[in-house]
């Protein structure tokens, strides 16, 4: 599967943003930069449909 580039979609002005196009089980360095920037800018970020083991979730 080809790697998608992580993108950010604002949810609402007061409710953070959704991170799209990222596999949290195997994020690229670019994905991590995007995620950190989104967290810094929005304070709360959401990820849908991630398939993580309990160990991956903790890491």
PDB file of N, CA and C in Angstrom:
ATOM      1  N   UNK A   1       0.834  -1.178   0.000  1.00  0.00           N
ATOM      2  CA  UNK A   1       0.000   0.000   0.000  1.00  0.00           C
ATOM      3  C   UNK A   1       0.883   1.247   0.000  1.00  0.00           C
ATOM      4  N   UNK A   2       0.564   2.190  -0.848  1.00  0.00           N
ATOM      5  CA  UNK A   2       1.324   3.434  -0.926  1.00  0.00           C
ATOM      6  C   UNK A   2       1.041   4.275   0.314  1.00  0.00           C
ATOM      7  N   UNK A   3       2.049   4.991   0.741  1.00  0.00           N
ATOM      8  CA  UNK A   3       1.917   5.829   1.930  1.00  0.00           C
ATOM      9  C   UNK A   3       1.173   7.107   1.580  1.00  0.00           C
ATOM     10  N   UNK A   4       0.136   7.417   2.358  1.00  0.00           N
ATOM     11  CA  UNK A   4      -0.578   8.675   2.208  1.00  0.00           C
ATOM     12  C   UNK A   4       0.094   9.722   3.075  1.00  0.00           C
ATOM     13  N   UNK A   5      -0.068  10.953   2.703  1.00  0.00           N
ATOM     14  CA  UNK A   5       0.444  12.050   3.508  1.00  0.00           C
ATOM     15  C   UNK A   5      -0.624  12.454   4.517  1.00  0.00           C
ATOM     16  N   UNK A   6      -0.240  12.601   5.762  1.00  0.00           N
ATOM     17  CA  UNK A   6      -1.174  13.021   6.802  1.00  0.00           C
ATOM     18  C   UNK A   6      -1.670  14.427   6.501  1.00  0.00           C
ATOM     19  N   UNK A   7      -2.966  14.623   6.681  1.00  0.00           N
ATOM     20  CA  UNK A   7      -3.569  15.939   6.506  1.00  0.00           C
ATOM     21  C   UNK A   7      -4.413  16.252   7.738  1.00  0.00           C
ATOM     22  N   UNK A   8      -4.692  17.522   7.937  1.00  0.00           N
ATOM     23  CA  UNK A   8      -5.430  17.993   9.102  1.00  0.00           C
ATOM     24  C   UNK A   8      -6.740  18.621   8.648  1.00  0.00           C
ATOM     25  N   UNK A   9      -7.828  18.261   9.334  1.00  0.00           N
ATOM     26  CA  UNK A   9      -9.131  18.872   9.058  1.00  0.00           C
ATOM     27  C   UNK A   9      -9.669  19.434  10.369  1.00  0.00           C
ATOM     28  N   UNK A  10      -9.913  20.730  10.406  1.00  0.00           N
ATOM     29  CA  UNK A  10     -10.471  21.373  11.593  1.00  0.00           C
ATOM     30  C   UNK A  10     -11.871  20.831  11.838  1.00  0.00           C
ATOM     31  N   UNK A  11     -12.153  20.448  13.083  1.00  0.00           N
ATOM     32  CA  UNK A  11     -13.473  19.922  13.431  1.00  0.00           C
ATOM     33  C   UNK A  11     -14.459  21.086  13.592  1.00  0.00           C
ATOM     34  N   UNK A  12     -14.252  21.895  14.612  1.00  0.00           N
ATOM     35  CA  UNK A  12     -15.020  23.118  14.840  1.00  0.00           C
ATOM     36  C   UNK A  12     -14.050  24.109  15.474  1.00  0.00           C
ATOM     37  N   UNK A  13     -14.383  25.375  15.506  1.00  0.00           N
ATOM     38  CA  UNK A  13     -13.441  26.338  16.077  1.00  0.00           C
ATOM     39  C   UNK A  13     -13.000  26.008  17.504  1.00  0.00           C
ATOM     40  N   UNK A  14     -13.848  25.355  18.298  1.00  0.00           N
ATOM     41  CA  UNK A  14     -13.477  25.074  19.675  1.00  0.00           C
ATOM     42  C   UNK A  14     -13.212  23.615  19.991  1.00  0.00           C
ATOM     43  N   UNK A  15     -13.108  22.770  18.965  1.00  0.00           N
ATOM     44  CA  UNK A  15     -13.037  21.330  19.256  1.00  0.00           C
ATOM     45  C   UNK A  15     -11.916  20.603  18.536  1.00  0.00           C
ATOM     46  N   UNK A  16     -10.804  21.223  18.301  1.00  0.00           N
ATOM     47  CA  UNK A  16      -9.652  20.519  17.760  1.00  0.00           C
ATOM     48  C   UNK A  16      -9.731  20.192  16.284  1.00  0.00           C
ATOM     49  N   UNK A  17      -8.983  19.125  15.908  1.00  0.00           N
ATOM     50  CA  UNK A  17      -8.865  18.762  14.502  1.00  0.00           C
ATOM     51  C   UNK A  17      -8.742  17.251  14.361  1.00  0.00           C
ATOM     52  N   UNK A  18      -9.058  16.783  13.167  1.00  0.00           N
ATOM     53  CA  UNK A  18      -8.929  15.366  12.835  1.00  0.00           C
ATOM     54  C   UNK A  18      -7.700  15.182  11.956  1.00  0.00           C
ATOM     55  N   UNK A  19      -6.914  14.163  12.265  1.00  0.00           N
ATOM     56  CA  UNK A  19      -5.751  13.824  11.452  1.00  0.00           C
ATOM     57  C   UNK A  19      -6.165  12.691  10.522  1.00  0.00           C
ATOM     58  N   UNK A  20      -6.014  12.914   9.227  1.00  0.00           N
ATOM     59  CA  UNK A  20      -6.417  11.942   8.209  1.00  0.00           C
ATOM     60  C   UNK A  20      -5.201  11.406   7.472  1.00  0.00           C
ATOM     61  N   UNK A  21      -5.327  10.188   6.945  1.00  0.00           N
ATOM     62  CA  UNK A  21      -4.285   9.644   6.078  1.00  0.00           C
ATOM     63  C   UNK A  21      -3.031   9.203   6.787  1.00  0.00           C
ATOM     64  N   UNK A  22      -3.158   8.795   8.063  1.00  0.00           N
ATOM     65  CA  UNK A  22      -1.979   8.334   8.800  1.00  0.00           C
ATOM     66  C   UNK A  22      -2.289   6.985   9.448  1.00  0.00           C
ATOM     67  N   UNK A  23      -1.321   6.099   9.423  1.00  0.00           N
ATOM     68  CA  UNK A  23      -1.402   4.808  10.100  1.00  0.00           C
ATOM     69  C   UNK A  23      -0.561   4.921  11.363  1.00  0.00           C
ATOM     70  N   UNK A  24      -1.214   5.039  12.511  1.00  0.00           N
ATOM     71  CA  UNK A  24      -0.482   5.238  13.761  1.00  0.00           C
ATOM     72  C   UNK A  24       0.346   4.028  14.166  1.00  0.00           C
ATOM     73  N   UNK A  25       0.089   2.876  13.569  1.00  0.00           N
ATOM     74  CA  UNK A  25       0.903   1.695  13.850  1.00  0.00           C
ATOM     75  C   UNK A  25       2.273   1.805  13.201  1.00  0.00           C
ATOM     76  N   UNK A  26       2.376   2.650  12.169  1.00  0.00           N
ATOM     77  CA  UNK A  26       3.640   2.788  11.437  1.00  0.00           C
ATOM     78  C   UNK A  26       3.751   4.189  10.823  1.00  0.00           C
ATOM     79  N   UNK A  27       3.793   5.240  11.643  1.00  0.00           N
ATOM     80  CA  UNK A  27       3.845   6.599  11.094  1.00  0.00           C
ATOM     81  C   UNK A  27       5.232   6.948  10.555  1.00  0.00           C
ATOM     82  N   UNK A  28       5.245   7.731   9.493  1.00  0.00           N
ATOM     83  CA  UNK A  28       6.521   8.218   8.953  1.00  0.00           C
ATOM     84  C   UNK A  28       6.987   9.418   9.780  1.00  0.00           C
ATOM     85  N   UNK A  29       8.208   9.831   9.573  1.00  0.00           N
ATOM     86  CA  UNK A  29       8.723  11.034  10.245  1.00  0.00           C
ATOM     87  C   UNK A  29       7.886  12.250   9.874  1.00  0.00           C
ATOM     88  N   UNK A  30       7.491  12.329   8.608  1.00  0.00           N
ATOM     89  CA  UNK A  30       6.658  13.435   8.141  1.00  0.00           C
ATOM     90  C   UNK A  30       5.298  13.426   8.845  1.00  0.00           C
ATOM     91  N   UNK A  31       4.710  12.224   8.993  1.00  0.00           N
ATOM     92  CA  UNK A  31       3.441  12.111   9.718  1.00  0.00           C
ATOM     93  C   UNK A  31       3.587  12.627  11.141  1.00  0.00           C
ATOM     94  N   UNK A  32       4.665  12.240  11.807  1.00  0.00           N
ATOM     95  CA  UNK A  32       4.873  12.656  13.193  1.00  0.00           C
ATOM     96  C   UNK A  32       5.028  14.170  13.305  1.00  0.00           C
ATOM     97  N   UNK A  33       5.694  14.788  12.354  1.00  0.00           N
ATOM     98  CA  UNK A  33       5.816  16.252  12.350  1.00  0.00           C
ATOM     99  C   UNK A  33       4.446  16.897  12.200  1.00  0.00           C
ATOM    100  N   UNK A  34       3.621  16.345  11.299  1.00  0.00           N
ATOM    101  CA  UNK A  34       2.271  16.862  11.078  1.00  0.00           C
ATOM    102  C   UNK A  34       1.423  16.698  12.334  1.00  0.00           C
ATOM    103  N   UNK A  35       1.512  15.536  12.982  1.00  0.00           N
ATOM    104  CA  UNK A  35       0.752  15.262  14.204  1.00  0.00           C
ATOM    105  C   UNK A  35       1.169  16.215  15.322  1.00  0.00           C
ATOM    106  N   UNK A  36       2.451  16.403  15.512  1.00  0.00           N
ATOM    107  CA  UNK A  36       2.935  17.323  16.557  1.00  0.00           C
ATOM    108  C   UNK A  36       2.460  18.755  16.298  1.00  0.00           C
ATOM    109  N   UNK A  37       2.520  19.181  15.042  1.00  0.00           N
ATOM    110  CA  UNK A  37       2.070  20.533  14.694  1.00  0.00           C
ATOM    111  C   UNK A  37       0.571  20.677  14.939  1.00  0.00           C
ATOM    112  N   UNK A  38      -0.204  19.659  14.588  1.00  0.00           N
ATOM    113  CA  UNK A  38      -1.652  19.713  14.807  1.00  0.00           C
ATOM    114  C   UNK A  38      -1.969  19.785  16.297  1.00  0.00           C
ATOM    115  N   UNK A  39      -1.268  18.994  17.089  1.00  0.00           N
ATOM    116  CA  UNK A  39      -1.489  19.021  18.541  1.00  0.00           C
ATOM    117  C   UNK A  39      -1.129  20.390  19.113  1.00  0.00           C
ATOM    118  N   UNK A  40      -0.031  20.940  18.652  1.00  0.00           N
ATOM    119  CA  UNK A  40       0.400  22.269  19.107  1.00  0.00           C
ATOM    120  C   UNK A  40      -0.633  23.331  18.709  1.00  0.00           C
ATOM    121  N   UNK A  41      -1.138  23.250  17.486  1.00  0.00           N
ATOM    122  CA  UNK A  41      -2.043  24.275  16.972  1.00  0.00           C
ATOM    123  C   UNK A  41      -3.476  24.147  17.488  1.00  0.00           C
ATOM    124  N   UNK A  42      -3.952  22.899  17.698  1.00  0.00           N
ATOM    125  CA  UNK A  42      -5.356  22.672  18.040  1.00  0.00           C
ATOM    126  C   UNK A  42      -5.590  22.178  19.463  1.00  0.00           C
ATOM    127  N   UNK A  43      -4.562  21.658  20.115  1.00  0.00           N
ATOM    128  CA  UNK A  43      -4.710  21.196  21.493  1.00  0.00           C
ATOM    129  C   UNK A  43      -5.347  19.826  21.647  1.00  0.00           C
ATOM    130  N   UNK A  44      -6.296  19.501  20.796  1.00  0.00           N
ATOM    131  CA  UNK A  44      -6.972  18.202  20.795  1.00  0.00           C
ATOM    132  C   UNK A  44      -6.986  17.710  19.360  1.00  0.00           C
ATOM    133  N   UNK A  45      -6.551  16.464  19.153  1.00  0.00           N
ATOM    134  CA  UNK A  45      -6.594  15.886  17.804  1.00  0.00           C
ATOM    135  C   UNK A  45      -7.250  14.509  17.863  1.00  0.00           C
ATOM    136  N   UNK A  46      -7.928  14.153  16.781  1.00  0.00           N
ATOM    137  CA  UNK A  46      -8.674  12.907  16.678  1.00  0.00           C
ATOM    138  C   UNK A  46      -8.112  12.059  15.543  1.00  0.00           C
ATOM    139  N   UNK A  47      -8.127  10.750  15.741  1.00  0.00           N
ATOM    140  CA  UNK A  47      -7.703   9.787  14.722  1.00  0.00           C
ATOM    141  C   UNK A  47      -8.822   8.752  14.601  1.00  0.00           C
ATOM    142  N   UNK A  48      -9.346   8.550  13.416  1.00  0.00           N
ATOM    143  CA  UNK A  48     -10.403   7.554  13.220  1.00  0.00           C
ATOM    144  C   UNK A  48      -9.820   6.248  12.689  1.00  0.00           C
ATOM    145  N   UNK A  49     -10.520   5.166  13.010  1.00  0.00           N
ATOM    146  CA  UNK A  49     -10.287   3.850  12.401  1.00  0.00           C
ATOM    147  C   UNK A  49      -8.845   3.366  12.491  1.00  0.00           C
ATOM    148  N   UNK A  50      -8.226   3.525  13.639  1.00  0.00           N
ATOM    149  CA  UNK A  50      -6.868   3.022  13.836  1.00  0.00           C
ATOM    150  C   UNK A  50      -6.936   1.619  14.430  1.00  0.00           C
ATOM    151  N   UNK A  51      -6.132   0.725  13.909  1.00  0.00           N
ATOM    152  CA  UNK A  51      -6.071  -0.643  14.418  1.00  0.00           C
ATOM    153  C   UNK A  51      -4.743  -0.809  15.156  1.00  0.00           C
ATOM    154  N   UNK A  52      -4.788  -0.578  16.465  1.00  0.00           N
ATOM    155  CA  UNK A  52      -3.582  -0.620  17.288  1.00  0.00           C
ATOM    156  C   UNK A  52      -3.704  -1.705  18.349  1.00  0.00           C
ATOM    157  N   UNK A  53      -2.601  -2.360  18.629  1.00  0.00           N
ATOM    158  CA  UNK A  53      -2.556  -3.286  19.753  1.00  0.00           C
ATOM    159  C   UNK A  53      -2.484  -2.456  21.033  1.00  0.00           C
ATOM    160  N   UNK A  54      -2.776  -3.055  22.192  1.00  0.00           N
ATOM    161  CA  UNK A  54      -2.622  -2.300  23.441  1.00  0.00           C
ATOM    162  C   UNK A  54      -1.206  -1.745  23.615  1.00  0.00           C
ATOM    163  N   UNK A  55      -0.202  -2.503  23.204  1.00  0.00           N
ATOM    164  CA  UNK A  55       1.180  -2.040  23.320  1.00  0.00           C
ATOM    165  C   UNK A  55       1.443  -0.826  22.422  1.00  0.00           C
ATOM    166  N   UNK A  56       0.920  -0.853  21.200  1.00  0.00           N
ATOM    167  CA  UNK A  56       1.099   0.282  20.292  1.00  0.00           C
ATOM    168  C   UNK A  56       0.364   1.504  20.821  1.00  0.00           C
ATOM    169  N   UNK A  57      -0.781   1.295  21.416  1.00  0.00           N
ATOM    170  CA  UNK A  57      -1.561   2.407  21.954  1.00  0.00           C
ATOM    171  C   UNK A  57      -0.799   3.106  23.083  1.00  0.00           C
ATOM    172  N   UNK A  58      -0.130   2.359  23.911  1.00  0.00           N
ATOM    173  CA  UNK A  58       0.646   2.924  25.020  1.00  0.00           C
ATOM    174  C   UNK A  58       1.877   3.665  24.520  1.00  0.00           C
ATOM    175  N   UNK A  59       2.525   3.131  23.493  1.00  0.00           N
ATOM    176  CA  UNK A  59       3.761   3.722  22.981  1.00  0.00           C
ATOM    177  C   UNK A  59       3.482   5.067  22.384  1.00  0.00           C
TER     178      UNK A  59
END
